[in-house]
């Protein structure tokens, strides 16, 4: 996905940068979209089932955009790549679960292959392993 956006620098100058897709994965989750939406918007809300266990090089994401129950966009988990965003798209799976897709977006330049691999792996671990585990799967 290539998208051009403007970002302000200072009070008057602007910089043109390109947003590129650095990773994408879709997988079904057993919970309905509204439940997953709430978990993504407030990952620490359920102290009995914590799942957003961050590593030393990660920070808690902020919510940049949310459209209940089908879209959540997180700010970066990685202070060294503050431009990174994670876009979650949630759709019913035809039953009682959710088809959850995440897309990692970064501004150019693309991080090196090692960092991209680490970022993709971490998103997948957090969503398709740690969160999924709290749902009993």
N, C-alpha and C. Protein backbone atom coordinates (compact mmCIF):
# COMPACT_ATOMS: atom_id res chain seq x y z
N UNK A 1 0.85 -1.16 0.00
CA UNK A 1 0.00 0.00 0.00
C UNK A 1 0.90 1.22 0.00
N UNK A 2 0.83 2.03 -1.01
CA UNK A 2 1.54 3.30 -1.07
C UNK A 2 0.53 4.41 -0.92
N UNK A 3 0.71 5.23 0.09
CA UNK A 3 -0.16 6.36 0.33
C UNK A 3 0.74 7.55 0.57
N UNK A 4 0.41 8.66 0.02
CA UNK A 4 1.17 9.87 0.26
C UNK A 4 0.42 10.70 1.29
N UNK A 5 1.13 11.20 2.30
CA UNK A 5 0.49 12.06 3.28
C UNK A 5 1.43 13.20 3.63
N UNK A 6 0.83 14.25 4.17
CA UNK A 6 1.60 15.41 4.58
C UNK A 6 1.72 15.41 6.08
N UNK A 7 2.90 15.73 6.59
CA UNK A 7 3.07 15.83 8.03
C UNK A 7 3.71 17.17 8.34
N UNK A 8 3.16 17.90 9.34
CA UNK A 8 3.70 19.22 9.66
C UNK A 8 5.03 19.12 10.39
N UNK A 9 5.90 20.04 10.07
CA UNK A 9 7.17 20.19 10.77
C UNK A 9 7.23 21.65 11.18
N UNK A 10 7.40 21.89 12.46
CA UNK A 10 7.36 23.27 12.92
C UNK A 10 5.95 23.80 12.78
N UNK A 11 5.83 25.06 12.47
CA UNK A 11 4.49 25.62 12.36
C UNK A 11 4.07 25.91 10.92
N UNK A 12 5.03 25.97 9.98
CA UNK A 12 4.64 26.34 8.64
C UNK A 12 5.13 25.38 7.56
N UNK A 13 6.28 24.76 7.76
CA UNK A 13 6.83 23.89 6.72
C UNK A 13 6.17 22.52 6.76
N UNK A 14 6.09 21.85 5.61
CA UNK A 14 5.55 20.50 5.55
C UNK A 14 6.53 19.60 4.82
N UNK A 15 6.46 18.32 5.14
CA UNK A 15 7.30 17.33 4.49
C UNK A 15 6.40 16.29 3.84
N UNK A 16 6.71 15.92 2.64
CA UNK A 16 5.95 14.90 1.94
C UNK A 16 6.66 13.57 2.13
N UNK A 17 5.94 12.57 2.62
CA UNK A 17 6.53 11.25 2.80
C UNK A 17 5.57 10.19 2.27
N UNK A 18 6.13 9.03 1.99
CA UNK A 18 5.31 7.93 1.47
C UNK A 18 5.17 6.88 2.56
N UNK A 19 3.95 6.39 2.70
CA UNK A 19 3.65 5.32 3.64
C UNK A 19 3.68 4.02 2.85
N UNK A 20 4.43 3.06 3.36
CA UNK A 20 4.53 1.78 2.67
C UNK A 20 4.15 0.64 3.61
N UNK A 21 3.61 -0.40 3.02
CA UNK A 21 3.23 -1.58 3.79
C UNK A 21 4.47 -2.44 4.03
N UNK A 22 4.76 -2.69 5.30
CA UNK A 22 5.93 -3.49 5.67
C UNK A 22 5.53 -4.90 6.09
N UNK A 23 4.25 -5.16 6.25
CA UNK A 23 3.80 -6.50 6.63
C UNK A 23 2.29 -6.55 6.72
N UNK A 24 1.75 -7.75 6.58
CA UNK A 24 0.30 -7.95 6.63
C UNK A 24 0.03 -9.40 6.97
N UNK A 25 -1.00 -9.62 7.77
CA UNK A 25 -1.41 -10.99 8.08
C UNK A 25 -2.88 -10.96 8.48
N UNK A 26 -3.62 -11.95 8.06
CA UNK A 26 -5.02 -12.09 8.44
C UNK A 26 -5.23 -13.49 9.01
N UNK A 27 -6.00 -13.55 10.07
CA UNK A 27 -6.27 -14.83 10.70
C UNK A 27 -7.59 -14.73 11.47
N UNK A 28 -8.26 -15.84 11.62
CA UNK A 28 -9.51 -15.83 12.37
C UNK A 28 -9.22 -15.87 13.88
N UNK A 29 -10.09 -15.25 14.62
CA UNK A 29 -10.04 -15.24 16.08
C UNK A 29 -11.41 -15.73 16.57
N UNK A 30 -11.46 -16.43 17.70
CA UNK A 30 -12.73 -17.01 18.15
C UNK A 30 -13.75 -16.02 18.69
N UNK A 31 -13.32 -14.84 19.12
CA UNK A 31 -14.25 -13.87 19.72
C UNK A 31 -14.89 -13.01 18.62
N UNK A 32 -16.06 -12.45 18.90
CA UNK A 32 -16.72 -11.58 17.92
C UNK A 32 -15.98 -10.24 17.78
N UNK A 33 -16.21 -9.53 16.68
CA UNK A 33 -15.49 -8.28 16.43
C UNK A 33 -15.56 -7.25 17.57
N UNK A 34 -16.71 -7.08 18.20
CA UNK A 34 -16.81 -6.05 19.25
C UNK A 34 -15.92 -6.38 20.44
N UNK A 35 -15.70 -7.65 20.74
CA UNK A 35 -14.84 -8.05 21.86
C UNK A 35 -13.37 -7.77 21.51
N UNK A 36 -12.98 -8.12 20.30
CA UNK A 36 -11.60 -7.88 19.86
C UNK A 36 -11.34 -6.38 19.74
N UNK A 37 -12.31 -5.64 19.24
CA UNK A 37 -12.18 -4.19 19.15
C UNK A 37 -11.85 -3.61 20.53
N UNK A 38 -12.62 -3.98 21.54
CA UNK A 38 -12.40 -3.46 22.89
C UNK A 38 -11.02 -3.86 23.42
N UNK A 39 -10.57 -5.07 23.13
CA UNK A 39 -9.24 -5.51 23.58
C UNK A 39 -8.13 -4.70 22.92
N UNK A 40 -8.32 -4.33 21.65
CA UNK A 40 -7.31 -3.55 20.94
C UNK A 40 -7.30 -2.09 21.40
N UNK A 41 -8.46 -1.55 21.71
CA UNK A 41 -8.56 -0.16 22.13
C UNK A 41 -8.08 0.01 23.58
N UNK A 42 -8.31 -0.99 24.41
CA UNK A 42 -7.91 -0.92 25.82
C UNK A 42 -7.27 -2.25 26.24
N UNK A 43 -6.03 -2.50 25.79
CA UNK A 43 -5.41 -3.80 26.05
C UNK A 43 -5.15 -4.12 27.52
N UNK A 44 -5.13 -3.14 28.39
CA UNK A 44 -4.89 -3.39 29.81
C UNK A 44 -6.18 -3.39 30.62
N UNK A 45 -7.32 -3.33 29.97
CA UNK A 45 -8.60 -3.22 30.67
C UNK A 45 -8.96 -4.45 31.49
N UNK A 46 -8.50 -5.62 31.07
CA UNK A 46 -8.82 -6.86 31.79
C UNK A 46 -7.56 -7.37 32.49
N UNK A 47 -7.37 -7.00 33.78
CA UNK A 47 -6.16 -7.41 34.49
C UNK A 47 -6.06 -8.92 34.72
N UNK A 48 -7.17 -9.62 34.59
CA UNK A 48 -7.16 -11.07 34.78
C UNK A 48 -6.54 -11.77 33.57
N UNK A 49 -6.68 -11.16 32.38
CA UNK A 49 -6.16 -11.77 31.16
C UNK A 49 -5.26 -10.79 30.39
N UNK A 50 -4.10 -10.45 30.98
CA UNK A 50 -3.20 -9.52 30.26
C UNK A 50 -2.60 -10.21 29.04
N UNK A 51 -2.44 -9.45 27.98
CA UNK A 51 -1.88 -10.05 26.77
C UNK A 51 -0.87 -9.15 26.07
N UNK A 52 -0.89 -7.86 26.33
CA UNK A 52 0.06 -6.97 25.66
C UNK A 52 1.34 -6.89 26.49
N UNK A 53 2.11 -7.95 26.40
CA UNK A 53 3.37 -8.07 27.14
C UNK A 53 4.50 -7.56 26.26
N UNK A 54 4.95 -6.35 26.54
CA UNK A 54 5.92 -5.67 25.69
C UNK A 54 7.35 -6.03 26.05
N UNK A 55 8.21 -6.00 25.05
CA UNK A 55 9.64 -6.23 25.24
C UNK A 55 10.33 -4.93 25.60
N UNK A 56 11.60 -5.01 25.96
CA UNK A 56 12.35 -3.84 26.38
C UNK A 56 12.48 -2.76 25.33
N UNK A 57 12.40 -3.12 24.05
CA UNK A 57 12.52 -2.12 22.98
C UNK A 57 11.17 -1.64 22.47
N UNK A 58 10.10 -1.90 23.26
CA UNK A 58 8.75 -1.56 22.83
C UNK A 58 8.08 -0.63 23.84
N UNK A 59 7.07 0.08 23.36
CA UNK A 59 6.27 0.98 24.19
C UNK A 59 4.79 0.71 23.95
N UNK A 60 3.98 1.07 24.92
CA UNK A 60 2.53 0.89 24.77
C UNK A 60 2.04 1.77 23.62
N UNK A 61 1.24 1.21 22.72
CA UNK A 61 0.76 2.02 21.59
C UNK A 61 -0.38 2.94 22.00
N UNK A 62 -0.50 4.02 21.26
CA UNK A 62 -1.65 4.90 21.40
C UNK A 62 -2.66 4.55 20.32
N UNK A 63 -3.87 5.02 20.48
CA UNK A 63 -4.92 4.78 19.49
C UNK A 63 -4.97 6.01 18.58
N UNK A 64 -4.65 5.82 17.30
CA UNK A 64 -4.66 6.90 16.33
C UNK A 64 -6.02 7.04 15.65
N UNK A 65 -6.70 5.91 15.53
CA UNK A 65 -8.01 5.89 14.87
C UNK A 65 -8.77 4.68 15.37
N UNK A 66 -10.08 4.83 15.53
CA UNK A 66 -10.92 3.70 15.93
C UNK A 66 -12.32 3.93 15.40
N UNK A 67 -12.84 2.93 14.70
CA UNK A 67 -14.21 2.94 14.20
C UNK A 67 -14.84 1.63 14.64
N UNK A 68 -15.62 1.72 15.71
CA UNK A 68 -16.21 0.53 16.31
C UNK A 68 -17.20 -0.12 15.36
N UNK A 69 -17.16 -1.40 15.17
CA UNK A 69 -16.24 -2.41 15.71
C UNK A 69 -15.24 -2.93 14.68
N UNK A 70 -14.97 -2.17 13.61
CA UNK A 70 -14.23 -2.78 12.50
C UNK A 70 -12.83 -2.22 12.22
N UNK A 71 -12.39 -1.17 12.93
CA UNK A 71 -11.07 -0.61 12.62
C UNK A 71 -10.41 -0.03 13.86
N UNK A 72 -9.13 -0.37 14.04
CA UNK A 72 -8.30 0.24 15.09
C UNK A 72 -6.93 0.47 14.47
N UNK A 73 -6.37 1.66 14.70
CA UNK A 73 -5.02 1.95 14.25
C UNK A 73 -4.20 2.34 15.48
N UNK A 74 -3.12 1.58 15.70
CA UNK A 74 -2.20 1.86 16.81
C UNK A 74 -1.05 2.72 16.33
N UNK A 75 -0.51 3.52 17.24
CA UNK A 75 0.76 4.19 16.99
C UNK A 75 1.86 3.13 17.17
N UNK A 76 3.07 3.54 16.95
CA UNK A 76 4.19 2.61 16.96
C UNK A 76 4.46 1.96 18.31
N UNK A 77 4.81 0.70 18.25
CA UNK A 77 5.31 -0.03 19.43
C UNK A 77 6.80 0.23 19.65
N UNK A 78 7.47 0.80 18.64
CA UNK A 78 8.92 0.89 18.66
C UNK A 78 9.40 2.34 18.65
N UNK A 79 10.00 2.79 19.75
CA UNK A 79 10.50 4.16 19.81
C UNK A 79 11.51 4.47 18.70
N UNK A 80 12.26 3.47 18.24
CA UNK A 80 13.24 3.75 17.18
C UNK A 80 12.58 3.90 15.80
N UNK A 81 11.31 3.52 15.68
CA UNK A 81 10.53 3.76 14.44
C UNK A 81 9.19 4.37 14.83
N UNK A 82 9.20 5.63 15.29
CA UNK A 82 7.95 6.26 15.74
C UNK A 82 6.94 6.46 14.62
N UNK A 83 7.38 6.34 13.37
CA UNK A 83 6.48 6.50 12.22
C UNK A 83 5.63 5.26 11.97
N UNK A 84 6.00 4.13 12.55
CA UNK A 84 5.27 2.88 12.29
C UNK A 84 3.86 2.95 12.87
N UNK A 85 2.92 2.37 12.15
CA UNK A 85 1.54 2.25 12.61
C UNK A 85 1.06 0.83 12.33
N UNK A 86 0.15 0.37 13.15
CA UNK A 86 -0.43 -0.95 12.94
C UNK A 86 -1.93 -0.76 12.76
N UNK A 87 -2.41 -1.17 11.61
CA UNK A 87 -3.82 -1.03 11.27
C UNK A 87 -4.49 -2.39 11.42
N UNK A 88 -5.52 -2.45 12.25
CA UNK A 88 -6.28 -3.67 12.47
C UNK A 88 -7.65 -3.52 11.81
N UNK A 89 -7.99 -4.49 10.98
CA UNK A 89 -9.31 -4.51 10.36
C UNK A 89 -10.03 -5.76 10.85
N UNK A 90 -11.24 -5.57 11.37
CA UNK A 90 -12.01 -6.65 11.97
C UNK A 90 -13.30 -6.85 11.18
N UNK A 91 -13.58 -8.09 10.86
CA UNK A 91 -14.81 -8.43 10.15
C UNK A 91 -15.34 -9.74 10.71
N UNK A 92 -16.64 -9.91 10.68
CA UNK A 92 -17.21 -11.18 11.09
C UNK A 92 -16.69 -12.30 10.19
N UNK A 93 -16.57 -13.48 10.75
CA UNK A 93 -16.05 -14.61 9.97
C UNK A 93 -17.14 -15.53 9.45
N UNK A 94 -18.40 -15.09 9.54
CA UNK A 94 -19.52 -15.91 9.09
C UNK A 94 -20.11 -16.75 10.21
N UNK A 95 -19.44 -16.78 11.35
CA UNK A 95 -19.93 -17.50 12.53
C UNK A 95 -19.92 -16.54 13.70
N UNK A 96 -19.39 -16.99 14.82
CA UNK A 96 -19.35 -16.12 16.00
C UNK A 96 -17.98 -15.47 16.20
N UNK A 97 -17.05 -15.72 15.30
CA UNK A 97 -15.69 -15.19 15.44
C UNK A 97 -15.43 -13.98 14.56
N UNK A 98 -14.14 -13.69 14.43
CA UNK A 98 -13.68 -12.50 13.70
C UNK A 98 -12.55 -12.86 12.76
N UNK A 99 -12.56 -12.27 11.59
CA UNK A 99 -11.40 -12.30 10.71
C UNK A 99 -10.64 -11.03 11.03
N UNK A 100 -9.48 -11.18 11.66
CA UNK A 100 -8.67 -10.05 12.09
C UNK A 100 -7.45 -9.94 11.19
N UNK A 101 -7.32 -8.80 10.54
CA UNK A 101 -6.15 -8.55 9.68
C UNK A 101 -5.37 -7.40 10.27
N UNK A 102 -4.05 -7.55 10.33
CA UNK A 102 -3.21 -6.43 10.72
C UNK A 102 -2.28 -6.08 9.57
N UNK A 103 -2.00 -4.79 9.47
CA UNK A 103 -1.09 -4.28 8.45
C UNK A 103 -0.11 -3.34 9.14
N UNK A 104 1.17 -3.59 8.94
CA UNK A 104 2.23 -2.74 9.47
C UNK A 104 2.57 -1.70 8.40
N UNK A 105 2.41 -0.44 8.75
CA UNK A 105 2.69 0.67 7.83
C UNK A 105 3.85 1.49 8.37
N UNK A 106 4.76 1.87 7.51
CA UNK A 106 5.90 2.71 7.90
C UNK A 106 6.11 3.79 6.84
N UNK A 107 6.72 4.87 7.25
CA UNK A 107 7.13 5.89 6.30
C UNK A 107 8.44 5.43 5.66
N UNK A 108 8.68 5.86 4.43
CA UNK A 108 9.97 5.59 3.81
C UNK A 108 11.05 6.29 4.62
N UNK A 109 12.20 5.73 4.73
CA UNK A 109 12.65 4.53 4.03
C UNK A 109 12.21 3.27 4.79
N UNK A 110 12.07 2.18 4.04
CA UNK A 110 11.72 0.89 4.63
C UNK A 110 12.84 0.50 5.61
N UNK A 111 12.49 0.03 6.81
CA UNK A 111 13.53 -0.46 7.72
C UNK A 111 14.28 -1.63 7.09
N UNK A 112 15.48 -1.91 7.61
CA UNK A 112 16.23 -3.05 7.07
C UNK A 112 15.47 -4.34 7.34
N UNK A 113 15.81 -5.38 6.60
CA UNK A 113 15.07 -6.65 6.64
C UNK A 113 15.01 -7.24 8.05
N UNK A 114 16.08 -7.09 8.81
CA UNK A 114 16.10 -7.64 10.16
C UNK A 114 15.07 -6.96 11.05
N UNK A 115 14.99 -5.64 10.99
CA UNK A 115 14.02 -4.91 11.81
C UNK A 115 12.59 -5.19 11.35
N UNK A 116 12.36 -5.21 10.05
CA UNK A 116 11.01 -5.53 9.54
C UNK A 116 10.59 -6.91 10.01
N UNK A 117 11.49 -7.88 9.94
CA UNK A 117 11.18 -9.23 10.41
C UNK A 117 10.83 -9.25 11.88
N UNK A 118 11.59 -8.50 12.68
CA UNK A 118 11.32 -8.42 14.12
C UNK A 118 9.95 -7.79 14.38
N UNK A 119 9.65 -6.70 13.68
CA UNK A 119 8.37 -6.01 13.88
C UNK A 119 7.19 -6.91 13.49
N UNK A 120 7.29 -7.56 12.35
CA UNK A 120 6.22 -8.48 11.92
C UNK A 120 6.03 -9.61 12.93
N UNK A 121 7.13 -10.19 13.36
CA UNK A 121 7.06 -11.31 14.31
C UNK A 121 6.40 -10.87 15.60
N UNK A 122 6.76 -9.69 16.10
CA UNK A 122 6.18 -9.22 17.36
C UNK A 122 4.68 -8.96 17.25
N UNK A 123 4.24 -8.35 16.16
CA UNK A 123 2.80 -8.11 16.00
C UNK A 123 2.08 -9.46 15.95
N UNK A 124 2.62 -10.38 15.19
CA UNK A 124 1.99 -11.69 15.08
C UNK A 124 1.96 -12.41 16.43
N UNK A 125 3.05 -12.33 17.20
CA UNK A 125 3.07 -12.96 18.53
C UNK A 125 2.04 -12.33 19.46
N UNK A 126 1.98 -11.00 19.47
CA UNK A 126 1.04 -10.32 20.36
C UNK A 126 -0.41 -10.64 20.02
N UNK A 127 -0.74 -10.64 18.73
CA UNK A 127 -2.13 -10.82 18.31
C UNK A 127 -2.51 -12.28 18.15
N UNK A 128 -1.73 -13.02 17.40
CA UNK A 128 -2.12 -14.39 17.06
C UNK A 128 -1.58 -15.45 18.02
N UNK A 129 -0.84 -15.02 19.05
CA UNK A 129 -0.41 -15.96 20.08
C UNK A 129 -0.90 -15.48 21.44
N UNK A 130 -0.38 -14.34 21.92
CA UNK A 130 -0.69 -13.88 23.27
C UNK A 130 -2.17 -13.52 23.45
N UNK A 131 -2.73 -12.72 22.56
CA UNK A 131 -4.15 -12.38 22.70
C UNK A 131 -5.01 -13.62 22.49
N UNK A 132 -4.71 -14.39 21.48
CA UNK A 132 -5.47 -15.61 21.19
C UNK A 132 -5.49 -16.55 22.40
N UNK A 133 -4.37 -16.63 23.11
CA UNK A 133 -4.27 -17.48 24.30
C UNK A 133 -5.26 -17.04 25.37
N UNK A 134 -5.47 -15.71 25.52
CA UNK A 134 -6.42 -15.24 26.53
C UNK A 134 -7.84 -15.65 26.19
N UNK A 135 -8.09 -15.99 24.94
CA UNK A 135 -9.42 -16.44 24.51
C UNK A 135 -9.59 -17.95 24.64
N UNK A 136 -8.58 -18.60 25.18
CA UNK A 136 -8.65 -20.04 25.38
C UNK A 136 -8.24 -20.84 24.18
N UNK A 137 -7.49 -20.25 23.25
CA UNK A 137 -7.07 -20.97 22.04
C UNK A 137 -5.57 -21.09 21.97
